[in-house]
Amino acid sequence: MFDIAKKAATDPQTKPKQAQIWVRIMGYLGQVMNSISETFDEAKALEYLENLERMIHEAKGDSQKSQKS
């Protein structure tokens, strides 16, 4: 999202008022990313990823790998 906002803000065809809005969006995205990083729970994220991996293996029919998790 940040890359999209930056591209739009720096596009020569973007009007100055629109560019200002895109820069504001970039700032807000930075604040959101900072907030997420401060409250990030690595253990919980790893648990979610392990569950996701198990679900993918089940969907693919990998019963042995899905039972290990």
PDB file of N, CA and C in Angstrom:
ATOM      1  N   MET A   1       0.812  -1.184   0.000  1.00  0.00           N
ATOM      2  CA  MET A   1       0.000   0.000   0.000  1.00  0.00           C
ATOM      3  C   MET A   1       0.861   1.256   0.000  1.00  0.00           C
ATOM      4  N   PHE A   2       1.945   1.185   0.771  1.00  0.00           N
ATOM      5  CA  PHE A   2       2.831   2.342   0.844  1.00  0.00           C
ATOM      6  C   PHE A   2       3.420   2.646  -0.532  1.00  0.00           C
ATOM      7  N   ASP A   3       3.813   1.592  -1.254  1.00  0.00           N
ATOM      8  CA  ASP A   3       4.381   1.776  -2.588  1.00  0.00           C
ATOM      9  C   ASP A   3       3.367   2.384  -3.555  1.00  0.00           C
ATOM     10  N   ILE A   4       2.123   1.957  -3.444  1.00  0.00           N
ATOM     11  CA  ILE A   4       1.069   2.507  -4.298  1.00  0.00           C
ATOM     12  C   ILE A   4       0.897   3.993  -4.021  1.00  0.00           C
ATOM     13  N   ALA A   5       0.862   4.355  -2.739  1.00  0.00           N
ATOM     14  CA  ALA A   5       0.700   5.764  -2.363  1.00  0.00           C
ATOM     15  C   ALA A   5       1.892   6.592  -2.832  1.00  0.00           C
ATOM     16  N   LYS A   6       3.097   6.051  -2.687  1.00  0.00           N
ATOM     17  CA  LYS A   6       4.292   6.781  -3.115  1.00  0.00           C
ATOM     18  C   LYS A   6       4.282   6.994  -4.624  1.00  0.00           C
ATOM     19  N   LYS A   7       3.922   5.951  -5.351  1.00  0.00           N
ATOM     20  CA  LYS A   7       3.874   6.058  -6.808  1.00  0.00           C
ATOM     21  C   LYS A   7       2.857   7.117  -7.232  1.00  0.00           C
ATOM     22  N   ALA A   8       1.694   7.112  -6.595  1.00  0.00           N
ATOM     23  CA  ALA A   8       0.664   8.095  -6.928  1.00  0.00           C
ATOM     24  C   ALA A   8       1.112   9.511  -6.563  1.00  0.00           C
ATOM     25  N   ALA A   9       1.792   9.654  -5.431  1.00  0.00           N
ATOM     26  CA  ALA A   9       2.231  10.984  -4.984  1.00  0.00           C
ATOM     27  C   ALA A   9       3.313  11.557  -5.882  1.00  0.00           C
ATOM     28  N   THR A  10       4.147  10.697  -6.443  1.00  0.00           N
ATOM     29  CA  THR A  10       5.267  11.175  -7.256  1.00  0.00           C
ATOM     30  C   THR A  10       4.987  11.154  -8.752  1.00  0.00           C
ATOM     31  N   ASP A  11       3.794  10.707  -9.125  1.00  0.00           N
ATOM     32  CA  ASP A  11       3.412  10.677 -10.537  1.00  0.00           C
ATOM     33  C   ASP A  11       3.319  12.122 -11.065  1.00  0.00           C
ATOM     34  N   PRO A  12       3.997  12.429 -12.170  1.00  0.00           N
ATOM     35  CA  PRO A  12       3.965  13.793 -12.712  1.00  0.00           C
ATOM     36  C   PRO A  12       2.550  14.264 -13.082  1.00  0.00           C
ATOM     37  N   GLN A  13       1.651  13.340 -13.345  1.00  0.00           N
ATOM     38  CA  GLN A  13       0.282  13.726 -13.717  1.00  0.00           C
ATOM     39  C   GLN A  13      -0.617  13.966 -12.504  1.00  0.00           C
ATOM     40  N   THR A  14      -0.113  13.667 -11.327  1.00  0.00           N
ATOM     41  CA  THR A  14      -0.898  13.893 -10.109  1.00  0.00           C
ATOM     42  C   THR A  14      -0.905  15.381  -9.779  1.00  0.00           C
ATOM     43  N   LYS A  15      -2.090  15.890  -9.538  1.00  0.00           N
ATOM     44  CA  LYS A  15      -2.232  17.307  -9.183  1.00  0.00           C
ATOM     45  C   LYS A  15      -1.669  17.528  -7.781  1.00  0.00           C
ATOM     46  N   PRO A  16      -1.160  18.727  -7.496  1.00  0.00           N
ATOM     47  CA  PRO A  16      -0.553  18.993  -6.187  1.00  0.00           C
ATOM     48  C   PRO A  16      -1.460  18.655  -5.004  1.00  0.00           C
ATOM     49  N   LYS A  17      -2.729  18.981  -5.100  1.00  0.00           N
ATOM     50  CA  LYS A  17      -3.650  18.674  -3.997  1.00  0.00           C
ATOM     51  C   LYS A  17      -3.777  17.165  -3.802  1.00  0.00           C
ATOM     52  N   GLN A  18      -3.839  16.421  -4.907  1.00  0.00           N
ATOM     53  CA  GLN A  18      -3.909  14.956  -4.819  1.00  0.00           C
ATOM     54  C   GLN A  18      -2.614  14.394  -4.243  1.00  0.00           C
ATOM     55  N   ALA A  19      -1.482  14.945  -4.667  1.00  0.00           N
ATOM     56  CA  ALA A  19      -0.186  14.485  -4.153  1.00  0.00           C
ATOM     57  C   ALA A  19      -0.119  14.695  -2.643  1.00  0.00           C
ATOM     58  N   GLN A  20      -0.653  15.817  -2.187  1.00  0.00           N
ATOM     59  CA  GLN A  20      -0.664  16.107  -0.747  1.00  0.00           C
ATOM     60  C   GLN A  20      -1.486  15.053  -0.001  1.00  0.00           C
ATOM     61  N   ILE A  21      -2.607  14.665  -0.567  1.00  0.00           N
ATOM     62  CA  ILE A  21      -3.443  13.633   0.056  1.00  0.00           C
ATOM     63  C   ILE A  21      -2.700  12.303   0.098  1.00  0.00           C
ATOM     64  N   TRP A  22      -1.999  11.968  -1.000  1.00  0.00           N
ATOM     65  CA  TRP A  22      -1.244  10.712  -1.034  1.00  0.00           C
ATOM     66  C   TRP A  22      -0.117  10.720  -0.004  1.00  0.00           C
ATOM     67  N   VAL A  23       0.535  11.861   0.166  1.00  0.00           N
ATOM     68  CA  VAL A  23       1.597  11.956   1.180  1.00  0.00           C
ATOM     69  C   VAL A  23       0.997  11.784   2.571  1.00  0.00           C
ATOM     70  N   ARG A  24      -0.181  12.333   2.799  1.00  0.00           N
ATOM     71  CA  ARG A  24      -0.861  12.164   4.083  1.00  0.00           C
ATOM     72  C   ARG A  24      -1.185  10.680   4.304  1.00  0.00           C
ATOM     73  N   ILE A  25      -1.611  10.003   3.249  1.00  0.00           N
ATOM     74  CA  ILE A  25      -1.889   8.562   3.340  1.00  0.00           C
ATOM     75  C   ILE A  25      -0.613   7.806   3.690  1.00  0.00           C
ATOM     76  N   MET A  26       0.503   8.190   3.073  1.00  0.00           N
ATOM     77  CA  MET A  26       1.783   7.547   3.384  1.00  0.00           C
ATOM     78  C   MET A  26       2.128   7.729   4.860  1.00  0.00           C
ATOM     79  N   GLY A  27       1.895   8.912   5.381  1.00  0.00           N
ATOM     80  CA  GLY A  27       2.156   9.173   6.798  1.00  0.00           C
ATOM     81  C   GLY A  27       1.283   8.314   7.695  1.00  0.00           C
ATOM     82  N   TYR A  28       0.017   8.214   7.338  1.00  0.00           N
ATOM     83  CA  TYR A  28      -0.902   7.395   8.123  1.00  0.00           C
ATOM     84  C   TYR A  28      -0.491   5.921   8.082  1.00  0.00           C
ATOM     85  N   LEU A  29      -0.101   5.443   6.895  1.00  0.00           N
ATOM     86  CA  LEU A  29       0.362   4.056   6.784  1.00  0.00           C
ATOM     87  C   LEU A  29       1.576   3.820   7.675  1.00  0.00           C
ATOM     88  N   GLY A  30       2.478   4.792   7.723  1.00  0.00           N
ATOM     89  CA  GLY A  30       3.639   4.672   8.595  1.00  0.00           C
ATOM     90  C   GLY A  30       3.232   4.565  10.061  1.00  0.00           C
ATOM     91  N   GLN A  31       2.248   5.358  10.457  1.00  0.00           N
ATOM     92  CA  GLN A  31       1.759   5.303  11.838  1.00  0.00           C
ATOM     93  C   GLN A  31       1.132   3.943  12.142  1.00  0.00           C
ATOM     94  N   VAL A  32       0.361   3.430  11.195  1.00  0.00           N
ATOM     95  CA  VAL A  32      -0.281   2.125  11.385  1.00  0.00           C
ATOM     96  C   VAL A  32       0.777   1.031  11.506  1.00  0.00           C
ATOM     97  N   MET A  33       1.782   1.064  10.620  1.00  0.00           N
ATOM     98  CA  MET A  33       2.844   0.054  10.682  1.00  0.00           C
ATOM     99  C   MET A  33       3.593   0.138  12.011  1.00  0.00           C
ATOM    100  N   ASN A  34       3.841   1.340  12.492  1.00  0.00           N
ATOM    101  CA  ASN A  34       4.516   1.513  13.769  1.00  0.00           C
ATOM    102  C   ASN A  34       3.668   0.958  14.910  1.00  0.00           C
ATOM    103  N   SER A  35       2.378   1.240  14.877  1.00  0.00           N
ATOM    104  CA  SER A  35       1.476   0.746  15.911  1.00  0.00           C
ATOM    105  C   SER A  35       1.434  -0.774  15.919  1.00  0.00           C
ATOM    106  N   ILE A  36       1.366  -1.370  14.738  1.00  0.00           N
ATOM    107  CA  ILE A  36       1.333  -2.832  14.642  1.00  0.00           C
ATOM    108  C   ILE A  36       2.634  -3.424  15.174  1.00  0.00           C
ATOM    109  N   SER A  37       3.761  -2.805  14.831  1.00  0.00           N
ATOM    110  CA  SER A  37       5.050  -3.350  15.267  1.00  0.00           C
ATOM    111  C   SER A  37       5.213  -3.268  16.780  1.00  0.00           C
ATOM    112  N   GLU A  38       4.602  -2.268  17.416  1.00  0.00           N
ATOM    113  CA  GLU A  38       4.715  -2.145  18.877  1.00  0.00           C
ATOM    114  C   GLU A  38       3.899  -3.200  19.610  1.00  0.00           C
ATOM    115  N   THR A  39       2.805  -3.634  19.014  1.00  0.00           N
ATOM    116  CA  THR A  39       1.933  -4.597  19.682  1.00  0.00           C
ATOM    117  C   THR A  39       2.052  -5.988  19.081  1.00  0.00           C
ATOM    118  N   PHE A  40       3.046  -6.195  18.218  1.00  0.00           N
ATOM    119  CA  PHE A  40       3.215  -7.465  17.525  1.00  0.00           C
ATOM    120  C   PHE A  40       3.579  -8.562  18.512  1.00  0.00           C
ATOM    121  N   ASP A  41       2.840  -9.641  18.468  1.00  0.00           N
ATOM    122  CA  ASP A  41       3.083 -10.797  19.318  1.00  0.00           C
ATOM    123  C   ASP A  41       3.612 -11.921  18.423  1.00  0.00           C
ATOM    124  N   GLU A  42       4.930 -12.119  18.463  1.00  0.00           N
ATOM    125  CA  GLU A  42       5.563 -13.097  17.573  1.00  0.00           C
ATOM    126  C   GLU A  42       5.036 -14.502  17.813  1.00  0.00           C
ATOM    127  N   ALA A  43       4.858 -14.878  19.057  1.00  0.00           N
ATOM    128  CA  ALA A  43       4.380 -16.227  19.358  1.00  0.00           C
ATOM    129  C   ALA A  43       2.993 -16.456  18.760  1.00  0.00           C
ATOM    130  N   LYS A  44       2.124 -15.467  18.884  1.00  0.00           N
ATOM    131  CA  LYS A  44       0.771 -15.592  18.332  1.00  0.00           C
ATOM    132  C   LYS A  44       0.825 -15.640  16.810  1.00  0.00           C
ATOM    133  N   ALA A  45       1.679 -14.811  16.208  1.00  0.00           N
ATOM    134  CA  ALA A  45       1.813 -14.806  14.751  1.00  0.00           C
ATOM    135  C   ALA A  45       2.311 -16.155  14.256  1.00  0.00           C
ATOM    136  N   LEU A  46       3.279 -16.746  14.948  1.00  0.00           N
ATOM    137  CA  LEU A  46       3.792 -18.070  14.566  1.00  0.00           C
ATOM    138  C   LEU A  46       2.706 -19.138  14.697  1.00  0.00           C
ATOM    139  N   GLU A  47       1.885 -19.009  15.718  1.00  0.00           N
ATOM    140  CA  GLU A  47       0.773 -19.949  15.894  1.00  0.00           C
ATOM    141  C   GLU A  47      -0.201 -19.844  14.716  1.00  0.00           C
ATOM    142  N   TYR A  48      -0.522 -18.614  14.325  1.00  0.00           N
ATOM    143  CA  TYR A  48      -1.410 -18.409  13.175  1.00  0.00           C
ATOM    144  C   TYR A  48      -0.797 -19.009  11.906  1.00  0.00           C
ATOM    145  N   LEU A  49       0.506 -18.783  11.717  1.00  0.00           N
ATOM    146  CA  LEU A  49       1.167 -19.302  10.521  1.00  0.00           C
ATOM    147  C   LEU A  49       1.203 -20.826  10.517  1.00  0.00           C
ATOM    148  N   GLU A  50       1.434 -21.427  11.672  1.00  0.00           N
ATOM    149  CA  GLU A  50       1.438 -22.890  11.756  1.00  0.00           C
ATOM    150  C   GLU A  50       0.052 -23.450  11.441  1.00  0.00           C
ATOM    151  N   ASN A  51      -0.986 -22.804  11.953  1.00  0.00           N
ATOM    152  CA  ASN A  51      -2.350 -23.240  11.645  1.00  0.00           C
ATOM    153  C   ASN A  51      -2.642 -23.085  10.163  1.00  0.00           C
ATOM    154  N   LEU A  52      -2.185 -21.990   9.596  1.00  0.00           N
ATOM    155  CA  LEU A  52      -2.382 -21.760   8.170  1.00  0.00           C
ATOM    156  C   LEU A  52      -1.660 -22.822   7.349  1.00  0.00           C
ATOM    157  N   GLU A  53      -0.427 -23.131   7.743  1.00  0.00           N
ATOM    158  CA  GLU A  53       0.338 -24.157   7.043  1.00  0.00           C
ATOM    159  C   GLU A  53      -0.376 -25.509   7.125  1.00  0.00           C
ATOM    160  N   ARG A  54      -0.901 -25.843   8.298  1.00  0.00           N
ATOM    161  CA  ARG A  54      -1.639 -27.098   8.479  1.00  0.00           C
ATOM    162  C   ARG A  54      -2.858 -27.133   7.566  1.00  0.00           C
ATOM    163  N   MET A  55      -3.583 -26.025   7.508  1.00  0.00           N
ATOM    164  CA  MET A  55      -4.780 -25.964   6.659  1.00  0.00           C
ATOM    165  C   MET A  55      -4.424 -26.117   5.183  1.00  0.00           C
ATOM    166  N   ILE A  56      -3.296 -25.538   4.781  1.00  0.00           N
ATOM    167  CA  ILE A  56      -2.853 -25.662   3.388  1.00  0.00           C
ATOM    168  C   ILE A  56      -2.517 -27.110   3.069  1.00  0.00           C
ATOM    169  N   HIS A  57      -1.792 -27.762   3.992  1.00  0.00           N
ATOM    170  CA  HIS A  57      -1.446 -29.172   3.784  1.00  0.00           C
ATOM    171  C   HIS A  57      -2.708 -30.026   3.702  1.00  0.00           C
ATOM    172  N   GLU A  58      -3.688 -29.734   4.548  1.00  0.00           N
ATOM    173  CA  GLU A  58      -4.947 -30.483   4.499  1.00  0.00           C
ATOM    174  C   GLU A  58      -5.651 -30.262   3.171  1.00  0.00           C
ATOM    175  N   ALA A  59      -5.648 -29.036   2.705  1.00  0.00           N
ATOM    176  CA  ALA A  59      -6.304 -28.715   1.435  1.00  0.00           C
ATOM    177  C   ALA A  59      -5.622 -29.410   0.266  1.00  0.00           C
ATOM    178  N   LYS A  60      -4.302 -29.581   0.372  1.00  0.00           N
ATOM    179  CA  LYS A  60      -3.551 -30.251  -0.688  1.00  0.00           C
ATOM    180  C   LYS A  60      -3.646 -31.768  -0.580  1.00  0.00           C
ATOM    181  N   GLY A  61      -4.155 -32.266   0.551  1.00  0.00           N
ATOM    182  CA  GLY A  61      -4.268 -33.704   0.729  1.00  0.00           C
ATOM    183  C   GLY A  61      -3.042 -34.320   1.371  1.00  0.00           C
ATOM    184  N   ASP A  62      -2.178 -33.506   1.977  1.00  0.00           N
ATOM    185  CA  ASP A  62      -0.980 -33.976   2.683  1.00  0.00           C
ATOM    186  C   ASP A  62      -1.369 -34.364   4.099  1.00  0.00           C
ATOM    187  N   SER A  63      -1.972 -35.516   4.274  1.00  0.00           N
ATOM    188  CA  SER A  63      -2.485 -35.885   5.594  1.00  0.00           C
ATOM    189  C   SER A  63      -1.368 -36.082   6.601  1.00  0.00           C
ATOM    190  N   GLN A  64      -0.200 -36.597   6.195  1.00  0.00           N
ATOM    191  CA  GLN A  64       0.894 -36.830   7.139  1.00  0.00           C
ATOM    192  C   GLN A  64       1.410 -35.506   7.693  1.00  0.00           C
ATOM    193  N   LYS A  65       1.607 -34.513   6.828  1.00  0.00           N
ATOM    194  CA  LYS A  65       2.127 -33.231   7.294  1.00  0.00           C
ATOM    195  C   LYS A  65       1.102 -32.491   8.135  1.00  0.00           C
ATOM    196  N   SER A  66      -0.176 -32.609   7.822  1.00  0.00           N
ATOM    197  CA  SER A  66      -1.186 -31.896   8.597  1.00  0.00           C
ATOM    198  C   SER A  66      -1.366 -32.518   9.971  1.00  0.00           C
ATOM    199  N   GLN A  67      -1.067 -33.829  10.136  1.00  0.00           N
ATOM    200  CA  GLN A  67      -1.201 -34.468  11.435  1.00  0.00           C
ATOM    201  C   GLN A  67      -0.028 -34.142  12.347  1.00  0.00           C
ATOM    202  N   LYS A  68       1.125 -33.813  11.779  1.00  0.00           N
ATOM    203  CA  LYS A  68       2.294 -33.474  12.584  1.00  0.00           C
ATOM    204  C   LYS A  68       2.101 -32.183  13.340  1.00  0.00           C
ATOM    205  N   SER A  69       1.395 -31.229  12.766  1.00  0.00           N
ATOM    206  CA  SER A  69       1.211 -29.922  13.393  1.00  0.00           C
ATOM    207  C   SER A  69       0.196 -29.958  14.488  1.00  0.00           C
TER     208      SER A  69
END
